[in-house]
């Protein structure tokens, strides 16, 4: 996860990305470390000038995250990739 974080944050700067979509639909389980990492990644991306949208959170994972009191601040969510692209377009359309 740390290598993924570092590589993604570097690419945001290199490619001057204004947004990132992370699809977690294939995950069966998301533990507290994974949720924390996603939140940290969203903060890092924001500091580099990019918005983050996480898509594909299953009802089971959402329920577990709420029960454990996990929060992914600075990260937006959407049901699927199509909606995630719409959210990202809205977030980045007002930015130069």
N, C-alpha and C. Protein backbone atom coordinates (compact mmCIF):
# COMPACT_ATOMS: atom_id res chain seq x y z
N UNK A 1 0.82 -1.20 0.00
CA UNK A 1 0.00 0.00 0.00
C UNK A 1 0.87 1.26 0.00
N UNK A 2 1.97 1.21 0.73
CA UNK A 2 2.83 2.40 0.78
C UNK A 2 3.46 2.68 -0.57
N UNK A 3 3.88 1.64 -1.28
CA UNK A 3 4.44 1.84 -2.61
C UNK A 3 3.39 2.41 -3.55
N UNK A 4 2.16 1.91 -3.43
CA UNK A 4 1.07 2.44 -4.25
C UNK A 4 0.86 3.91 -3.95
N UNK A 5 0.82 4.27 -2.68
CA UNK A 5 0.67 5.68 -2.28
C UNK A 5 1.75 6.54 -2.89
N UNK A 6 2.98 6.13 -2.70
CA UNK A 6 4.10 6.94 -3.18
C UNK A 6 4.07 7.08 -4.69
N UNK A 7 3.83 5.98 -5.39
CA UNK A 7 3.80 6.02 -6.86
C UNK A 7 2.66 6.91 -7.35
N UNK A 8 1.50 6.81 -6.73
CA UNK A 8 0.36 7.61 -7.16
C UNK A 8 0.59 9.10 -6.91
N UNK A 9 1.11 9.44 -5.75
CA UNK A 9 1.36 10.85 -5.42
C UNK A 9 2.42 11.42 -6.36
N UNK A 10 3.43 10.63 -6.70
CA UNK A 10 4.43 11.10 -7.66
C UNK A 10 3.80 11.33 -9.03
N UNK A 11 2.92 10.41 -9.47
CA UNK A 11 2.27 10.56 -10.78
C UNK A 11 1.35 11.77 -10.83
N UNK A 12 0.72 12.10 -9.70
CA UNK A 12 -0.14 13.28 -9.66
C UNK A 12 0.68 14.51 -10.02
N UNK A 13 1.88 14.61 -9.46
CA UNK A 13 2.74 15.74 -9.77
C UNK A 13 3.30 15.68 -11.18
N UNK A 14 3.76 14.52 -11.59
CA UNK A 14 4.37 14.36 -12.91
C UNK A 14 3.37 14.65 -14.03
N UNK A 15 2.15 14.10 -13.89
CA UNK A 15 1.13 14.24 -14.93
C UNK A 15 0.20 15.43 -14.70
N UNK A 16 0.43 16.15 -13.60
CA UNK A 16 -0.41 17.29 -13.24
C UNK A 16 -1.89 16.93 -13.20
N UNK A 17 -2.17 15.80 -12.54
CA UNK A 17 -3.54 15.30 -12.43
C UNK A 17 -4.38 16.23 -11.57
N UNK A 18 -5.61 16.39 -11.95
CA UNK A 18 -6.54 17.17 -11.12
C UNK A 18 -7.48 16.26 -10.37
N UNK A 19 -7.47 14.97 -10.69
CA UNK A 19 -8.34 14.04 -10.01
C UNK A 19 -7.87 12.61 -10.11
N UNK A 20 -8.27 11.82 -9.10
CA UNK A 20 -7.92 10.42 -9.02
C UNK A 20 -9.17 9.64 -8.66
N UNK A 21 -9.38 8.53 -9.35
CA UNK A 21 -10.47 7.62 -9.00
C UNK A 21 -9.86 6.30 -8.57
N UNK A 22 -10.28 5.81 -7.40
CA UNK A 22 -9.82 4.52 -6.90
C UNK A 22 -11.04 3.62 -6.81
N UNK A 23 -11.00 2.50 -7.52
CA UNK A 23 -12.11 1.55 -7.55
C UNK A 23 -11.81 0.40 -6.60
N UNK A 24 -12.63 0.26 -5.56
CA UNK A 24 -12.43 -0.79 -4.56
C UNK A 24 -13.49 -1.88 -4.66
N UNK A 25 -14.17 -1.94 -5.79
CA UNK A 25 -15.26 -2.90 -5.96
C UNK A 25 -14.79 -4.35 -5.82
N UNK A 26 -13.56 -4.64 -6.16
CA UNK A 26 -13.06 -6.01 -6.09
C UNK A 26 -12.66 -6.43 -4.68
N UNK A 27 -12.64 -5.49 -3.74
CA UNK A 27 -12.24 -5.82 -2.37
C UNK A 27 -13.38 -6.51 -1.63
N UNK A 28 -13.05 -7.62 -0.97
CA UNK A 28 -14.03 -8.29 -0.12
C UNK A 28 -13.99 -7.73 1.29
N UNK A 29 -12.79 -7.29 1.68
CA UNK A 29 -12.58 -6.80 3.04
C UNK A 29 -11.73 -5.54 2.98
N UNK A 30 -12.07 -4.58 3.82
CA UNK A 30 -11.25 -3.38 3.97
C UNK A 30 -11.05 -3.17 5.46
N UNK A 31 -9.83 -3.40 5.92
CA UNK A 31 -9.56 -3.27 7.35
C UNK A 31 -9.26 -1.82 7.71
N UNK A 32 -9.02 -1.58 8.98
CA UNK A 32 -8.79 -0.21 9.44
C UNK A 32 -7.54 0.39 8.80
N UNK A 33 -6.50 -0.42 8.57
CA UNK A 33 -5.29 0.08 7.92
C UNK A 33 -5.60 0.51 6.50
N UNK A 34 -6.36 -0.29 5.76
CA UNK A 34 -6.72 0.05 4.38
C UNK A 34 -7.55 1.32 4.32
N UNK A 35 -8.51 1.45 5.21
CA UNK A 35 -9.34 2.65 5.24
C UNK A 35 -8.50 3.87 5.60
N UNK A 36 -7.61 3.71 6.56
CA UNK A 36 -6.73 4.82 6.95
C UNK A 36 -5.83 5.22 5.78
N UNK A 37 -5.33 4.22 5.07
CA UNK A 37 -4.47 4.48 3.93
C UNK A 37 -5.21 5.24 2.84
N UNK A 38 -6.46 4.87 2.58
CA UNK A 38 -7.26 5.59 1.59
C UNK A 38 -7.46 7.05 2.00
N UNK A 39 -7.75 7.26 3.29
CA UNK A 39 -7.90 8.63 3.78
C UNK A 39 -6.61 9.43 3.65
N UNK A 40 -5.49 8.81 3.98
CA UNK A 40 -4.19 9.46 3.85
C UNK A 40 -3.89 9.77 2.40
N UNK A 41 -4.20 8.84 1.53
CA UNK A 41 -3.98 9.04 0.11
C UNK A 41 -4.80 10.22 -0.40
N UNK A 42 -6.04 10.33 0.05
CA UNK A 42 -6.87 11.47 -0.33
C UNK A 42 -6.28 12.79 0.13
N UNK A 43 -5.72 12.80 1.32
CA UNK A 43 -5.09 14.02 1.84
C UNK A 43 -3.84 14.36 1.04
N UNK A 44 -3.02 13.35 0.75
CA UNK A 44 -1.81 13.58 -0.04
C UNK A 44 -2.17 14.11 -1.43
N UNK A 45 -3.17 13.51 -2.05
CA UNK A 45 -3.59 13.95 -3.39
C UNK A 45 -4.08 15.40 -3.33
N UNK A 46 -4.86 15.72 -2.29
CA UNK A 46 -5.37 17.09 -2.15
C UNK A 46 -4.23 18.09 -2.00
N UNK A 47 -3.22 17.72 -1.22
CA UNK A 47 -2.07 18.60 -1.06
C UNK A 47 -1.29 18.77 -2.35
N UNK A 48 -1.39 17.80 -3.25
CA UNK A 48 -0.73 17.88 -4.56
C UNK A 48 -1.64 18.50 -5.62
N UNK A 49 -2.87 18.89 -5.22
CA UNK A 49 -3.76 19.58 -6.13
C UNK A 49 -4.78 18.71 -6.84
N UNK A 50 -5.00 17.49 -6.36
CA UNK A 50 -5.95 16.58 -7.01
C UNK A 50 -7.04 16.15 -6.05
N UNK A 51 -8.24 16.01 -6.58
CA UNK A 51 -9.36 15.47 -5.82
C UNK A 51 -9.34 13.95 -5.93
N UNK A 52 -9.86 13.26 -4.90
CA UNK A 52 -9.91 11.81 -4.92
C UNK A 52 -11.35 11.34 -4.77
N UNK A 53 -11.74 10.40 -5.62
CA UNK A 53 -13.07 9.79 -5.55
C UNK A 53 -12.88 8.28 -5.45
N UNK A 54 -13.46 7.68 -4.43
CA UNK A 54 -13.41 6.23 -4.28
C UNK A 54 -14.75 5.68 -4.74
N UNK A 55 -14.70 4.68 -5.61
CA UNK A 55 -15.93 4.09 -6.15
C UNK A 55 -15.96 2.61 -5.82
N UNK A 56 -17.18 2.06 -5.82
CA UNK A 56 -17.36 0.62 -5.66
C UNK A 56 -17.34 0.11 -4.24
N UNK A 57 -17.62 0.95 -3.26
CA UNK A 57 -17.66 0.49 -1.87
C UNK A 57 -18.92 -0.35 -1.69
N UNK A 58 -18.72 -1.61 -1.34
CA UNK A 58 -19.86 -2.51 -1.17
C UNK A 58 -20.61 -2.16 0.12
N UNK A 59 -21.87 -2.57 0.22
CA UNK A 59 -22.62 -2.31 1.46
C UNK A 59 -21.95 -2.92 2.69
N UNK A 60 -21.34 -4.09 2.54
CA UNK A 60 -20.67 -4.74 3.66
C UNK A 60 -19.48 -3.91 4.15
N UNK A 61 -18.70 -3.41 3.21
CA UNK A 61 -17.54 -2.60 3.59
C UNK A 61 -17.98 -1.29 4.20
N UNK A 62 -19.01 -0.66 3.64
CA UNK A 62 -19.53 0.59 4.20
C UNK A 62 -20.03 0.36 5.63
N UNK A 63 -20.75 -0.72 5.84
CA UNK A 63 -21.28 -1.04 7.17
C UNK A 63 -20.14 -1.24 8.16
N UNK A 64 -19.12 -1.99 7.76
CA UNK A 64 -17.98 -2.24 8.63
C UNK A 64 -17.25 -0.95 8.96
N UNK A 65 -17.06 -0.09 7.97
CA UNK A 65 -16.36 1.17 8.21
C UNK A 65 -17.11 2.03 9.21
N UNK A 66 -18.42 2.09 9.09
CA UNK A 66 -19.23 2.90 10.02
C UNK A 66 -19.18 2.29 11.41
N UNK A 67 -19.32 0.96 11.51
CA UNK A 67 -19.28 0.29 12.82
C UNK A 67 -17.96 0.52 13.54
N UNK A 68 -16.87 0.54 12.78
CA UNK A 68 -15.55 0.73 13.39
C UNK A 68 -15.20 2.20 13.59
N UNK A 69 -16.08 3.10 13.14
CA UNK A 69 -15.84 4.52 13.31
C UNK A 69 -14.78 5.06 12.37
N UNK A 70 -14.54 4.35 11.27
CA UNK A 70 -13.52 4.79 10.31
C UNK A 70 -14.06 5.93 9.47
N UNK A 71 -13.16 6.84 9.14
CA UNK A 71 -13.52 7.98 8.32
C UNK A 71 -12.47 8.15 7.23
N UNK A 72 -12.92 8.52 6.04
CA UNK A 72 -11.97 8.81 4.96
C UNK A 72 -12.18 10.27 4.56
N UNK A 73 -11.61 11.14 5.38
CA UNK A 73 -11.73 12.57 5.14
C UNK A 73 -11.00 12.96 3.86
N UNK A 74 -11.45 14.04 3.24
CA UNK A 74 -10.85 14.59 2.02
C UNK A 74 -10.99 13.64 0.83
N UNK A 75 -11.87 12.67 0.94
CA UNK A 75 -12.10 11.73 -0.15
C UNK A 75 -13.59 11.71 -0.44
N UNK A 76 -13.93 11.79 -1.70
CA UNK A 76 -15.32 11.72 -2.11
C UNK A 76 -15.62 10.28 -2.51
N UNK A 77 -16.89 9.91 -2.47
CA UNK A 77 -17.26 8.55 -2.85
C UNK A 77 -18.38 8.58 -3.88
N UNK A 78 -18.47 7.49 -4.63
CA UNK A 78 -19.53 7.32 -5.61
C UNK A 78 -19.84 5.83 -5.71
N UNK A 79 -21.03 5.51 -6.19
CA UNK A 79 -21.43 4.11 -6.28
C UNK A 79 -20.62 3.31 -7.28
N UNK A 80 -20.37 3.90 -8.45
CA UNK A 80 -19.67 3.17 -9.50
C UNK A 80 -18.79 4.12 -10.29
N UNK A 81 -18.08 3.57 -11.26
CA UNK A 81 -17.13 4.36 -12.03
C UNK A 81 -17.81 5.49 -12.79
N UNK A 82 -18.96 5.22 -13.37
CA UNK A 82 -19.67 6.25 -14.13
C UNK A 82 -20.03 7.44 -13.24
N UNK A 83 -20.59 7.15 -12.08
CA UNK A 83 -20.93 8.23 -11.16
C UNK A 83 -19.67 8.91 -10.62
N UNK A 84 -18.60 8.12 -10.41
CA UNK A 84 -17.34 8.68 -9.95
C UNK A 84 -16.77 9.68 -10.93
N UNK A 85 -16.86 9.36 -12.22
CA UNK A 85 -16.39 10.30 -13.25
C UNK A 85 -17.21 11.58 -13.24
N UNK A 86 -18.52 11.46 -13.01
CA UNK A 86 -19.38 12.65 -12.93
C UNK A 86 -18.99 13.51 -11.72
N UNK A 87 -18.78 12.87 -10.58
CA UNK A 87 -18.39 13.59 -9.37
C UNK A 87 -17.05 14.30 -9.59
N UNK A 88 -16.09 13.59 -10.18
CA UNK A 88 -14.78 14.17 -10.43
C UNK A 88 -14.87 15.34 -11.41
N UNK A 89 -15.71 15.21 -12.43
CA UNK A 89 -15.89 16.30 -13.40
C UNK A 89 -16.46 17.54 -12.71
N UNK A 90 -17.42 17.34 -11.81
CA UNK A 90 -18.00 18.47 -11.08
C UNK A 90 -16.98 19.12 -10.16
N UNK A 91 -16.17 18.30 -9.50
CA UNK A 91 -15.17 18.82 -8.56
C UNK A 91 -14.07 19.61 -9.27
N UNK A 92 -13.69 19.16 -10.46
CA UNK A 92 -12.58 19.78 -11.15
C UNK A 92 -12.99 20.82 -12.16
N UNK A 93 -14.27 20.93 -12.49
CA UNK A 93 -14.71 21.88 -13.52
C UNK A 93 -14.55 23.33 -13.08
N UNK A 94 -14.64 23.59 -11.81
CA UNK A 94 -14.53 24.97 -11.33
C UNK A 94 -13.09 25.36 -11.06
N UNK A 95 -12.16 24.42 -11.19
CA UNK A 95 -10.75 24.70 -10.93
C UNK A 95 -10.03 25.01 -12.22
N UNK A 96 -9.02 25.87 -12.17
CA UNK A 96 -8.26 26.21 -13.38
C UNK A 96 -7.41 25.05 -13.87
